[in-house]
Amino acid sequence: MDNCQKSDPLDRMRERLDELRRDYQKGQGQLQQLMRQEAETRDGLLRVSGAIRILEEMLPDPPDTDGAAAQPEGADGTAGRAATNARPGPRVMSVP
């Protein structure tokens, strides 16, 4: 009877270990699926941002509605970037 009591906790530990290993494998599978989805989403966003950029370049600039002249782009390009960044889509920035 004493032997039975000692093996019972060991059996529970083995069962718990098996359960934890199954949970771990399940989590690994979910993580891999999420990583694939992230990569697919990034690829899709890259394609869409490229299409946005092309269409923006192909469309003429909208006419000035307030009659003011367009702001010239500064030597560092800040005015041009500000106008481009006001539109939806990819942002323009300079890297030093």
N, C-alpha and C. Protein backbone atom coordinates (compact mmCIF):
# COMPACT_ATOMS: atom_id res chain seq x y z
N MET A 1 0.82 -1.17 0.00
CA MET A 1 0.00 0.00 0.00
C MET A 1 0.88 1.26 0.00
N ASP A 2 1.96 1.22 0.69
CA ASP A 2 2.87 2.34 0.73
C ASP A 2 3.44 2.61 -0.67
N ASN A 3 3.71 1.56 -1.45
CA ASN A 3 4.23 1.69 -2.80
C ASN A 3 3.20 2.37 -3.71
N CYS A 4 1.94 2.06 -3.53
CA CYS A 4 0.86 2.64 -4.32
C CYS A 4 0.75 4.14 -4.08
N GLN A 5 0.92 4.57 -2.84
CA GLN A 5 0.83 5.99 -2.52
C GLN A 5 2.01 6.76 -3.12
N LYS A 6 3.17 6.14 -3.21
CA LYS A 6 4.34 6.81 -3.79
C LYS A 6 4.22 6.94 -5.30
N SER A 7 3.65 5.96 -5.97
CA SER A 7 3.55 6.01 -7.42
C SER A 7 2.42 6.95 -7.86
N ASP A 8 1.41 7.13 -7.02
CA ASP A 8 0.29 7.99 -7.39
C ASP A 8 0.75 9.43 -7.65
N PRO A 9 1.55 10.05 -6.77
CA PRO A 9 2.04 11.39 -7.08
C PRO A 9 2.94 11.41 -8.32
N LEU A 10 3.72 10.35 -8.52
CA LEU A 10 4.56 10.28 -9.71
C LEU A 10 3.71 10.19 -10.97
N ASP A 11 2.63 9.42 -10.93
CA ASP A 11 1.73 9.32 -12.07
C ASP A 11 1.10 10.68 -12.38
N ARG A 12 0.71 11.38 -11.33
CA ARG A 12 0.11 12.72 -11.54
C ARG A 12 1.14 13.68 -12.13
N MET A 13 2.39 13.57 -11.68
CA MET A 13 3.43 14.44 -12.23
C MET A 13 3.68 14.12 -13.70
N ARG A 14 3.69 12.84 -14.05
CA ARG A 14 3.90 12.45 -15.45
C ARG A 14 2.75 12.94 -16.32
N GLU A 15 1.53 12.79 -15.81
CA GLU A 15 0.36 13.27 -16.55
C GLU A 15 0.43 14.78 -16.75
N ARG A 16 0.82 15.48 -15.70
CA ARG A 16 0.92 16.94 -15.79
C ARG A 16 2.02 17.34 -16.78
N LEU A 17 3.14 16.61 -16.76
CA LEU A 17 4.22 16.87 -17.69
C LEU A 17 3.75 16.66 -19.13
N ASP A 18 3.03 15.59 -19.38
CA ASP A 18 2.49 15.34 -20.72
C ASP A 18 1.53 16.45 -21.14
N GLU A 19 0.69 16.88 -20.22
CA GLU A 19 -0.26 17.95 -20.50
C GLU A 19 0.47 19.25 -20.84
N LEU A 20 1.51 19.58 -20.07
CA LEU A 20 2.29 20.79 -20.32
C LEU A 20 3.00 20.72 -21.67
N ARG A 21 3.52 19.56 -22.01
CA ARG A 21 4.18 19.40 -23.31
C ARG A 21 3.20 19.60 -24.46
N ARG A 22 1.99 19.07 -24.31
CA ARG A 22 0.95 19.27 -25.34
C ARG A 22 0.60 20.75 -25.46
N ASP A 23 0.43 21.42 -24.32
CA ASP A 23 0.14 22.85 -24.33
C ASP A 23 1.26 23.64 -25.00
N TYR A 24 2.49 23.25 -24.72
CA TYR A 24 3.64 23.94 -25.31
C TYR A 24 3.64 23.78 -26.83
N GLN A 25 3.42 22.56 -27.29
CA GLN A 25 3.38 22.30 -28.73
C GLN A 25 2.25 23.09 -29.39
N LYS A 26 1.11 23.14 -28.73
CA LYS A 26 -0.03 23.89 -29.26
C LYS A 26 0.33 25.38 -29.35
N GLY A 27 0.97 25.91 -28.33
CA GLY A 27 1.41 27.30 -28.33
C GLY A 27 2.43 27.58 -29.42
N GLN A 28 3.35 26.65 -29.63
CA GLN A 28 4.33 26.80 -30.69
C GLN A 28 3.64 26.86 -32.06
N GLY A 29 2.65 26.02 -32.27
CA GLY A 29 1.91 26.02 -33.53
C GLY A 29 1.17 27.34 -33.74
N GLN A 30 0.55 27.85 -32.68
CA GLN A 30 -0.16 29.12 -32.78
C GLN A 30 0.81 30.26 -33.08
N LEU A 31 1.97 30.24 -32.43
CA LEU A 31 2.97 31.28 -32.66
C LEU A 31 3.46 31.25 -34.10
N GLN A 32 3.72 30.09 -34.64
CA GLN A 32 4.16 29.98 -36.03
C GLN A 32 3.08 30.48 -36.98
N GLN A 33 1.82 30.17 -36.69
CA GLN A 33 0.72 30.65 -37.52
C GLN A 33 0.64 32.18 -37.48
N LEU A 34 0.78 32.75 -36.30
CA LEU A 34 0.75 34.21 -36.17
C LEU A 34 1.92 34.86 -36.90
N MET A 35 3.08 34.23 -36.86
CA MET A 35 4.24 34.77 -37.55
C MET A 35 4.03 34.74 -39.07
N ARG A 36 3.41 33.67 -39.57
CA ARG A 36 3.09 33.60 -41.00
C ARG A 36 2.09 34.69 -41.37
N GLN A 37 1.08 34.87 -40.53
CA GLN A 37 0.09 35.91 -40.79
C GLN A 37 0.72 37.29 -40.77
N GLU A 38 1.65 37.52 -39.84
CA GLU A 38 2.33 38.81 -39.78
C GLU A 38 3.12 39.06 -41.06
N ALA A 39 3.83 38.05 -41.54
CA ALA A 39 4.62 38.20 -42.76
C ALA A 39 3.70 38.46 -43.96
N GLU A 40 2.58 37.75 -44.03
CA GLU A 40 1.64 37.96 -45.12
C GLU A 40 1.04 39.36 -45.06
N THR A 41 0.75 39.84 -43.86
CA THR A 41 0.19 41.18 -43.70
C THR A 41 1.21 42.24 -44.10
N ARG A 42 2.46 42.05 -43.70
CA ARG A 42 3.51 43.00 -44.08
C ARG A 42 3.67 43.03 -45.60
N ASP A 43 3.67 41.86 -46.23
CA ASP A 43 3.79 41.81 -47.69
C ASP A 43 2.63 42.53 -48.36
N GLY A 44 1.43 42.30 -47.84
CA GLY A 44 0.25 42.97 -48.39
C GLY A 44 0.32 44.47 -48.24
N LEU A 45 0.74 44.93 -47.06
CA LEU A 45 0.88 46.37 -46.83
C LEU A 45 1.94 46.98 -47.74
N LEU A 46 3.01 46.26 -47.97
CA LEU A 46 4.06 46.75 -48.86
C LEU A 46 3.53 46.90 -50.28
N ARG A 47 2.77 45.91 -50.75
CA ARG A 47 2.18 46.00 -52.09
C ARG A 47 1.21 47.17 -52.19
N VAL A 48 0.36 47.33 -51.17
CA VAL A 48 -0.62 48.41 -51.19
C VAL A 48 0.08 49.77 -51.14
N SER A 49 1.09 49.90 -50.29
CA SER A 49 1.79 51.19 -50.21
C SER A 49 2.49 51.50 -51.54
N GLY A 50 3.00 50.48 -52.22
CA GLY A 50 3.61 50.69 -53.53
C GLY A 50 2.58 51.15 -54.55
N ALA A 51 1.40 50.54 -54.51
CA ALA A 51 0.34 50.94 -55.43
C ALA A 51 -0.11 52.36 -55.14
N ILE A 52 -0.22 52.71 -53.86
CA ILE A 52 -0.58 54.08 -53.47
C ILE A 52 0.44 55.05 -54.03
N ARG A 53 1.70 54.75 -53.85
CA ARG A 53 2.78 55.63 -54.31
C ARG A 53 2.70 55.83 -55.82
N ILE A 54 2.50 54.76 -56.56
CA ILE A 54 2.42 54.86 -58.02
C ILE A 54 1.24 55.70 -58.44
N LEU A 55 0.07 55.44 -57.85
CA LEU A 55 -1.11 56.22 -58.21
C LEU A 55 -0.96 57.69 -57.83
N GLU A 56 -0.36 57.97 -56.69
CA GLU A 56 -0.13 59.36 -56.30
C GLU A 56 0.79 60.06 -57.29
N GLU A 57 1.79 59.35 -57.80
CA GLU A 57 2.70 59.95 -58.76
C GLU A 57 2.05 60.13 -60.12
N MET A 58 1.11 59.27 -60.46
CA MET A 58 0.44 59.36 -61.75
C MET A 58 -0.64 60.44 -61.79
N LEU A 59 -1.29 60.68 -60.65
CA LEU A 59 -2.36 61.68 -60.60
C LEU A 59 -1.76 63.08 -60.56
N PRO A 60 -2.42 64.03 -61.26
CA PRO A 60 -1.93 65.40 -61.17
C PRO A 60 -2.19 65.95 -59.78
N ASP A 61 -1.38 66.94 -59.40
CA ASP A 61 -1.60 67.58 -58.11
C ASP A 61 -2.93 68.30 -58.12
N PRO A 62 -3.66 68.29 -57.02
CA PRO A 62 -4.94 69.01 -57.00
C PRO A 62 -4.69 70.51 -57.12
N PRO A 63 -5.60 71.23 -57.78
CA PRO A 63 -5.41 72.67 -57.92
C PRO A 63 -5.50 73.35 -56.56
N ASP A 64 -4.85 74.50 -56.45
CA ASP A 64 -4.88 75.28 -55.22
C ASP A 64 -6.29 75.83 -55.02
N THR A 65 -6.91 75.50 -53.90
CA THR A 65 -8.27 75.97 -53.67
C THR A 65 -8.31 77.33 -53.00
N ASP A 66 -7.27 77.71 -52.30
CA ASP A 66 -7.28 79.01 -51.60
C ASP A 66 -6.57 80.10 -52.39
N GLY A 67 -6.06 79.79 -53.55
CA GLY A 67 -5.42 80.78 -54.40
C GLY A 67 -3.99 81.08 -54.03
N ALA A 68 -3.50 80.54 -52.93
CA ALA A 68 -2.12 80.79 -52.52
C ALA A 68 -1.19 79.90 -53.34
N ALA A 69 -0.01 80.40 -53.56
CA ALA A 69 0.98 79.62 -54.30
C ALA A 69 1.44 78.45 -53.44
N ALA A 70 1.81 77.38 -54.11
CA ALA A 70 2.31 76.21 -53.39
C ALA A 70 3.60 76.56 -52.68
N GLN A 71 3.78 75.98 -51.50
CA GLN A 71 5.00 76.26 -50.75
C GLN A 71 6.18 75.60 -51.43
N PRO A 72 7.23 76.35 -51.67
CA PRO A 72 8.42 75.72 -52.26
C PRO A 72 9.08 74.81 -51.24
N GLU A 73 9.69 73.79 -51.77
CA GLU A 73 10.38 72.84 -50.89
C GLU A 73 11.67 73.46 -50.40
N GLY A 74 11.91 73.34 -49.11
CA GLY A 74 13.12 73.90 -48.52
C GLY A 74 14.34 73.10 -48.93
N ALA A 75 15.48 73.61 -48.58
CA ALA A 75 16.74 72.95 -48.93
C ALA A 75 16.82 71.57 -48.31
N ASP A 76 16.19 71.41 -47.15
CA ASP A 76 16.22 70.10 -46.49
C ASP A 76 15.02 69.25 -46.87
N GLY A 77 14.11 69.75 -47.71
CA GLY A 77 12.98 68.95 -48.17
C GLY A 77 11.83 68.88 -47.21
N THR A 78 11.82 69.69 -46.16
CA THR A 78 10.79 69.56 -45.13
C THR A 78 9.41 69.93 -45.63
N ALA A 79 9.27 70.98 -46.42
CA ALA A 79 7.94 71.38 -46.89
C ALA A 79 7.34 70.31 -47.78
N GLY A 80 8.15 69.73 -48.66
CA GLY A 80 7.65 68.67 -49.55
C GLY A 80 7.23 67.44 -48.77
N ARG A 81 8.00 67.07 -47.76
CA ARG A 81 7.64 65.91 -46.95
C ARG A 81 6.38 66.17 -46.16
N ALA A 82 6.22 67.40 -45.65
CA ALA A 82 5.03 67.71 -44.86
C ALA A 82 3.78 67.56 -45.71
N ALA A 83 3.83 68.04 -46.96
CA ALA A 83 2.66 67.92 -47.83
C ALA A 83 2.39 66.46 -48.16
N THR A 84 3.42 65.70 -48.43
CA THR A 84 3.25 64.28 -48.74
C THR A 84 2.74 63.51 -47.54
N ASN A 85 3.23 63.83 -46.35
CA ASN A 85 2.83 63.10 -45.14
C ASN A 85 1.42 63.46 -44.69
N ALA A 86 0.85 64.54 -45.22
CA ALA A 86 -0.52 64.90 -44.87
C ALA A 86 -1.52 63.97 -45.53
N ARG A 87 -1.11 63.29 -46.60
CA ARG A 87 -1.99 62.36 -47.31
C ARG A 87 -1.89 60.97 -46.68
N PRO A 88 -2.94 60.16 -46.86
CA PRO A 88 -2.87 58.79 -46.33
C PRO A 88 -1.83 57.98 -47.10
N GLY A 89 -1.33 56.97 -46.47
CA GLY A 89 -0.36 56.10 -47.14
C GLY A 89 0.99 56.15 -46.47
N PRO A 90 2.01 55.73 -47.19
CA PRO A 90 3.35 55.67 -46.60
C PRO A 90 3.87 57.06 -46.29
N ARG A 91 4.65 57.16 -45.26
CA ARG A 91 5.23 58.42 -44.84
C ARG A 91 6.61 58.59 -45.47
N VAL A 92 6.95 59.85 -45.71
CA VAL A 92 8.25 60.17 -46.28
C VAL A 92 9.11 60.75 -45.17
N MET A 93 10.32 60.27 -45.05
CA MET A 93 11.22 60.83 -44.05
C MET A 93 12.63 60.71 -44.56
N SER A 94 13.47 61.57 -44.06
CA SER A 94 14.88 61.51 -44.48
C SER A 94 15.69 60.88 -43.36
N VAL A 95 16.68 60.15 -43.76
CA VAL A 95 17.56 59.49 -42.80
C VAL A 95 18.92 60.15 -42.90
N PRO A 96 19.43 60.66 -41.79
CA PRO A 96 20.73 61.34 -41.85
C PRO A 96 21.85 60.39 -42.19
